Amino acid sequence: MTSPQTKVASPTEKFFVLVAVCCAAAAMPLTFTGPAVALPAISRTLGGSPIALNWVTNAFMLTFGSCLMASGALADSFGRRRIFLAGVGCFALFSAGLALAGNIVWFDILRALQGLGAAAAFSGGMASLAQEFDGTARMRAFSIVGSSFGVGLAFGPIASGLMIDAFGWPSIFILVVALALLALGLGACFLRESKDPDAAGLDWPGALSFTLALTLFTYGVLRAPETGWSDPLVLALLAAQHCSSLLSASSSAS
C-alpha cells in the first residue's frame, strides 16, 4: 500500500523520472568494473597489501549488497524520493572523493561509503518507478533500467581502459560522477515523494548484525589464502561471523 498521490504525473515527467533512474543504474556497474580494471594502476599509485587491494572491489560489493534491503525499508518509511536523492548525492560525492584519495586505506573506506550510496539510490529509484508506472508500462520501465545496467556492465571495462590509458585511473570516476549528477538533477526536478503508510520501519539490530556477518566472512575469506585456514585470526573471524548470522536470524524471527 502506498501513500495517495495528489497529482498524476504527465508522460514527460514520467520519462525524465525513468531517465534519472537509468542514469543511476548505468553508473553503478561502472563502479564494479572500472576499479577492477584500474587495480594495477591504483596499486602503483597508492600502494597497499594484497588484502587491501582486494577490498577495492569487495568493500563496495559488501556494503551495496548488504544494505539493499535496509535501504528499501528506509525508502518505504521515510520517502522514496528522499532516499533516492540522498543515495545518488552520496554516490556522486564519494565517487569524486575516490579520485582524490591519498592512500589505499582511504580509498577502501570511500569504496564502502560509495556502496552505501549506491544501495540507497538503487532501492529508492526502483521503488519510485513502481510508484510512477503501472501494468505493462511498469514492466517496460524495469526492463529499460535493466538494459541500462547491462550497458554499463558491458562497456564499463572498455571505457575504463581507454580513460586510464588517456588520462590516468582517477578519470574513471568522471563518467560515474557525471551520470550521478544528471540523475540527481532530474530526480530533484521530476520525482514525486511517496511512502508506504503501513511500513513497519527498519529492523536495525537485524540489519547491523547481517552486515557485520558479511564483513567478518569476507575478511576471513580474504585473509585465509595469505595466512592459512588454520590461522587463529581466520578461525576467530569465521566463528564471529557464525555468531552474527545467528543473531541476525534471531532478530528477523522475532
Protein backbone atom coordinates (compact mmCIF):
# COMPACT_ATOMS: atom_id res chain seq x y z
CA MET A 1 0.00 0.00 0.00
CA THR A 2 1.37 3.42 -0.92
CA SER A 3 0.50 6.94 0.04
CA PRO A 4 -2.05 8.65 -2.22
CA GLN A 5 -0.79 10.87 -5.00
CA THR A 6 -2.42 14.29 -5.25
CA LYS A 7 -1.30 14.86 -8.82
CA VAL A 8 -0.92 12.45 -11.71
CA ALA A 9 2.47 12.74 -13.35
CA SER A 10 2.49 13.70 -17.03
CA PRO A 11 4.15 11.43 -19.61
CA THR A 12 7.03 13.91 -19.84
CA GLU A 13 7.59 13.82 -16.08
CA LYS A 14 7.49 10.04 -16.07
CA PHE A 15 10.01 9.96 -18.92
CA PHE A 16 12.50 12.10 -17.00
CA VAL A 17 11.98 10.03 -13.84
CA LEU A 18 12.87 6.96 -15.89
CA VAL A 19 15.94 8.71 -17.34
CA ALA A 20 17.07 9.67 -13.82
CA VAL A 21 16.86 6.09 -12.56
CA CYS A 22 18.52 4.77 -15.75
CA CYS A 23 21.46 7.16 -15.30
CA ALA A 24 21.95 5.95 -11.75
CA ALA A 25 21.63 2.33 -12.86
CA ALA A 26 24.18 2.78 -15.66
CA ALA A 27 26.69 4.42 -13.29
CA MET A 28 26.69 1.55 -10.79
CA PRO A 29 28.23 -1.21 -12.95
CA LEU A 30 30.93 1.26 -13.96
CA THR A 31 31.95 1.27 -10.31
CA PHE A 32 32.10 -2.54 -10.35
CA THR A 33 34.31 -2.89 -13.39
CA GLY A 34 36.26 0.38 -13.50
CA PRO A 35 38.32 -0.02 -10.31
CA ALA A 36 38.92 -3.70 -11.14
CA VAL A 37 40.45 -2.70 -14.48
CA ALA A 38 42.40 0.11 -12.82
CA LEU A 39 43.68 -2.01 -9.92
CA PRO A 40 47.29 -2.31 -11.17
CA ALA A 41 47.47 1.46 -11.71
CA ILE A 42 45.85 2.14 -8.33
CA SER A 43 48.36 -0.20 -6.68
CA ARG A 44 51.30 1.65 -8.25
CA THR A 45 49.97 5.00 -7.03
CA LEU A 46 48.51 4.18 -3.60
CA GLY A 47 50.39 1.01 -2.67
CA GLY A 48 48.73 -1.45 -0.31
CA SER A 49 48.88 -5.12 0.62
CA PRO A 50 47.07 -7.79 -1.41
CA ILE A 51 44.26 -7.82 1.16
CA ALA A 52 43.88 -4.03 0.99
CA LEU A 53 43.76 -4.18 -2.80
CA ASN A 54 41.12 -6.91 -2.67
CA TRP A 55 38.95 -4.56 -0.62
CA VAL A 56 38.91 -2.11 -3.54
CA THR A 57 36.29 -4.38 -5.08
CA ASN A 58 34.90 -6.14 -2.02
CA ALA A 59 34.26 -3.04 0.09
CA PHE A 60 31.79 -1.71 -2.49
CA MET A 61 30.11 -5.05 -3.13
CA LEU A 62 29.80 -5.75 0.59
CA THR A 63 28.03 -2.52 1.54
CA PHE A 64 25.97 -2.43 -1.65
CA GLY A 65 24.69 -5.99 -1.26
CA SER A 66 24.11 -5.91 2.48
CA CYS A 67 22.28 -2.57 2.51
CA LEU A 68 19.83 -3.05 -0.37
CA MET A 69 17.02 -4.44 1.77
CA ALA A 70 17.62 -1.91 4.54
CA SER A 71 17.55 0.92 2.00
CA GLY A 72 14.25 -0.34 0.63
CA ALA A 73 12.73 -0.33 4.12
CA LEU A 74 14.01 3.20 4.72
CA ALA A 75 12.55 4.33 1.40
CA ASP A 76 9.11 3.00 2.34
CA SER A 77 9.27 4.63 5.76
CA PHE A 78 10.93 8.00 5.07
CA GLY A 79 10.17 8.61 1.39
CA ARG A 80 11.38 7.06 -1.84
CA ARG A 81 12.34 10.36 -3.42
CA ARG A 82 14.28 11.38 -0.31
CA ILE A 83 16.24 8.12 -0.17
CA PHE A 84 16.94 8.16 -3.92
CA LEU A 85 18.26 11.73 -3.88
CA ALA A 86 20.31 11.17 -0.73
CA GLY A 87 21.76 7.97 -2.17
CA VAL A 88 22.65 9.49 -5.55
CA GLY A 89 24.15 12.56 -3.88
CA CYS A 90 26.34 10.43 -1.61
CA PHE A 91 27.24 8.18 -4.52
CA ALA A 92 28.43 11.20 -6.55
CA LEU A 93 30.29 12.74 -3.60
CA PHE A 94 32.19 9.60 -2.65
CA SER A 95 32.92 8.78 -6.30
CA ALA A 96 34.58 12.18 -6.66
CA GLY A 97 36.47 11.61 -3.41
CA LEU A 98 37.93 8.35 -4.75
CA ALA A 99 39.79 10.27 -7.44
CA LEU A 100 41.49 12.31 -4.69
CA ALA A 101 42.25 9.51 -2.22
CA GLY A 102 45.78 9.75 -0.85
CA ASN A 103 46.26 6.13 0.25
CA ILE A 104 44.71 2.72 -0.14
CA VAL A 105 43.03 2.77 3.30
CA TRP A 106 41.03 5.91 2.49
CA PHE A 107 40.30 4.52 -0.95
CA ASP A 108 38.79 1.36 0.56
CA ILE A 109 36.76 3.39 3.08
CA LEU A 110 35.37 5.59 0.31
CA ARG A 111 34.54 2.50 -1.73
CA ALA A 112 32.46 1.18 1.17
CA LEU A 113 30.68 4.53 1.53
CA GLN A 114 30.13 4.60 -2.23
CA GLY A 115 28.39 1.24 -1.94
CA LEU A 116 26.06 2.62 0.74
CA GLY A 117 25.05 5.48 -1.56
CA ALA A 118 24.56 3.11 -4.49
CA ALA A 119 22.29 0.84 -2.43
CA ALA A 120 20.10 3.78 -1.36
CA ALA A 121 19.94 5.14 -4.92
CA PHE A 122 19.04 1.78 -6.42
CA SER A 123 16.39 0.90 -3.83
CA GLY A 124 14.82 4.36 -3.83
CA GLY A 125 14.88 4.59 -7.60
CA MET A 126 13.27 1.22 -8.25
CA ALA A 127 10.60 1.86 -5.61
CA SER A 128 9.87 5.23 -7.22
CA LEU A 129 9.46 3.62 -10.64
CA ALA A 130 6.98 1.14 -9.18
CA GLN A 131 5.00 4.11 -7.89
CA GLU A 132 5.06 6.08 -11.15
CA PHE A 133 4.27 3.28 -13.62
CA ASP A 134 1.52 0.66 -13.71
CA GLY A 135 0.86 -2.57 -15.59
CA THR A 136 2.81 -3.15 -18.78
CA ALA A 137 4.36 0.33 -18.53
CA ARG A 138 5.96 -0.68 -15.22
CA MET A 139 7.39 -3.86 -16.75
CA ARG A 140 8.73 -1.84 -19.66
CA ALA A 141 10.33 0.71 -17.32
CA PHE A 142 12.03 -2.01 -15.28
CA SER A 143 13.28 -3.63 -18.49
CA ILE A 144 14.79 -0.35 -19.64
CA VAL A 145 16.53 0.12 -16.29
CA GLY A 146 17.87 -3.43 -16.53
CA SER A 147 19.17 -2.71 -20.02
CA SER A 148 20.89 0.45 -18.74
CA PHE A 149 22.57 -1.59 -16.04
CA GLY A 150 23.64 -4.15 -18.64
CA VAL A 151 25.08 -1.48 -20.93
CA GLY A 152 27.17 -0.11 -18.08
CA LEU A 153 28.36 -3.59 -17.19
CA ALA A 154 29.24 -4.49 -20.79
CA PHE A 155 31.01 -1.29 -21.79
CA GLY A 156 32.45 -0.38 -18.39
CA PRO A 157 35.75 -2.29 -18.83
CA ILE A 158 36.29 -0.86 -22.34
CA ALA A 159 35.52 2.72 -21.35
CA SER A 160 37.61 2.40 -18.19
CA GLY A 161 40.60 1.01 -20.05
CA LEU A 162 40.52 3.82 -22.61
CA MET A 163 40.21 6.51 -19.93
CA ILE A 164 43.00 5.02 -17.84
CA ASP A 165 45.35 4.95 -20.83
CA ALA A 166 44.47 8.50 -21.84
CA PHE A 167 44.05 10.34 -18.52
CA GLY A 168 45.04 8.04 -15.64
CA TRP A 169 42.95 5.97 -13.25
CA PRO A 170 41.26 8.90 -11.40
CA SER A 171 39.47 9.74 -14.65
CA ILE A 172 37.35 6.57 -14.48
CA PHE A 173 35.21 8.27 -11.84
CA ILE A 174 34.43 11.30 -14.03
CA LEU A 175 31.78 9.47 -16.03
CA VAL A 176 30.33 7.99 -12.84
CA VAL A 177 30.05 11.43 -11.23
CA ALA A 178 28.53 12.93 -14.39
CA LEU A 179 25.83 10.24 -14.59
CA ALA A 180 25.11 10.54 -10.86
CA LEU A 181 24.77 14.33 -11.05
CA LEU A 182 22.43 14.04 -14.03
CA ALA A 183 20.31 11.53 -12.10
CA LEU A 184 20.34 13.85 -9.07
CA GLY A 185 19.21 16.88 -11.07
CA LEU A 186 16.44 15.06 -12.93
CA GLY A 187 15.26 13.32 -9.78
CA ALA A 188 15.11 16.58 -7.84
CA CYS A 189 13.04 18.20 -10.60
CA PHE A 190 10.63 15.44 -11.61
CA LEU A 191 10.47 12.75 -8.93
CA ARG A 192 7.48 12.91 -6.58
CA GLU A 193 7.62 11.87 -2.95
CA SER A 194 5.81 8.72 -1.86
CA LYS A 195 5.82 6.50 1.22
CA ASP A 196 4.19 3.33 2.46
CA PRO A 197 1.94 4.34 5.39
CA ASP A 198 1.93 0.73 6.60
CA ALA A 199 5.73 0.40 6.64
CA ALA A 200 6.95 -1.25 9.81
CA GLY A 201 10.29 0.53 9.78
CA LEU A 202 13.80 -0.89 9.69
CA ASP A 203 14.98 -3.78 11.85
CA TRP A 204 18.20 -2.08 12.95
CA PRO A 205 19.62 -4.98 15.03
CA GLY A 206 18.97 -7.43 12.20
CA ALA A 207 20.41 -5.12 9.53
CA LEU A 208 23.56 -4.36 11.55
CA SER A 209 24.19 -7.98 12.53
CA PHE A 210 23.68 -9.11 8.91
CA THR A 211 26.17 -6.51 7.65
CA LEU A 212 28.64 -7.46 10.38
CA ALA A 213 28.35 -11.15 9.48
CA LEU A 214 29.08 -10.41 5.81
CA THR A 215 32.03 -8.20 6.74
CA LEU A 216 33.62 -10.80 9.03
CA PHE A 217 33.08 -13.58 6.49
CA THR A 218 34.57 -11.53 3.64
CA TYR A 219 37.61 -10.51 5.69
CA GLY A 220 38.19 -14.09 6.84
CA VAL A 221 38.00 -15.47 3.29
CA LEU A 222 40.38 -12.78 2.00
CA ARG A 223 42.90 -13.37 4.80
CA ALA A 224 42.90 -17.18 4.61
CA PRO A 225 44.99 -17.54 1.40
CA GLU A 226 47.71 -15.37 2.96
CA THR A 227 47.90 -16.91 6.47
CA GLY A 228 46.15 -20.27 6.06
CA TRP A 229 42.74 -21.55 7.10
CA SER A 230 44.14 -22.70 10.46
CA ASP A 231 45.28 -19.19 11.39
CA PRO A 232 43.71 -18.25 14.77
CA LEU A 233 42.51 -14.90 13.45
CA VAL A 234 40.82 -16.52 10.44
CA LEU A 235 39.11 -19.05 12.69
CA ALA A 236 38.04 -16.26 15.06
CA LEU A 237 36.62 -14.22 12.19
CA LEU A 238 34.61 -17.15 10.84
CA ALA A 239 33.35 -18.03 14.33
CA ALA A 240 32.31 -14.44 14.92
CA GLN A 241 30.58 -14.43 11.52
CA HIS A 242 28.59 -17.51 12.54
CA CYS A 243 27.52 -15.84 15.79
CA SER A 244 26.48 -12.69 13.91
CA SER A 245 24.46 -14.76 11.44
CA LEU A 246 22.62 -16.46 14.30
CA LEU A 247 21.93 -13.07 15.87
CA SER A 248 20.61 -11.73 12.58
CA ALA A 249 18.34 -14.76 12.11
CA SER A 250 17.08 -14.45 15.67
CA SER A 251 16.31 -10.76 15.21
CA SER A 252 14.44 -11.42 11.95
CA ALA A 253 12.39 -14.21 13.51
CA SER A 254 11.32 -12.04 16.42
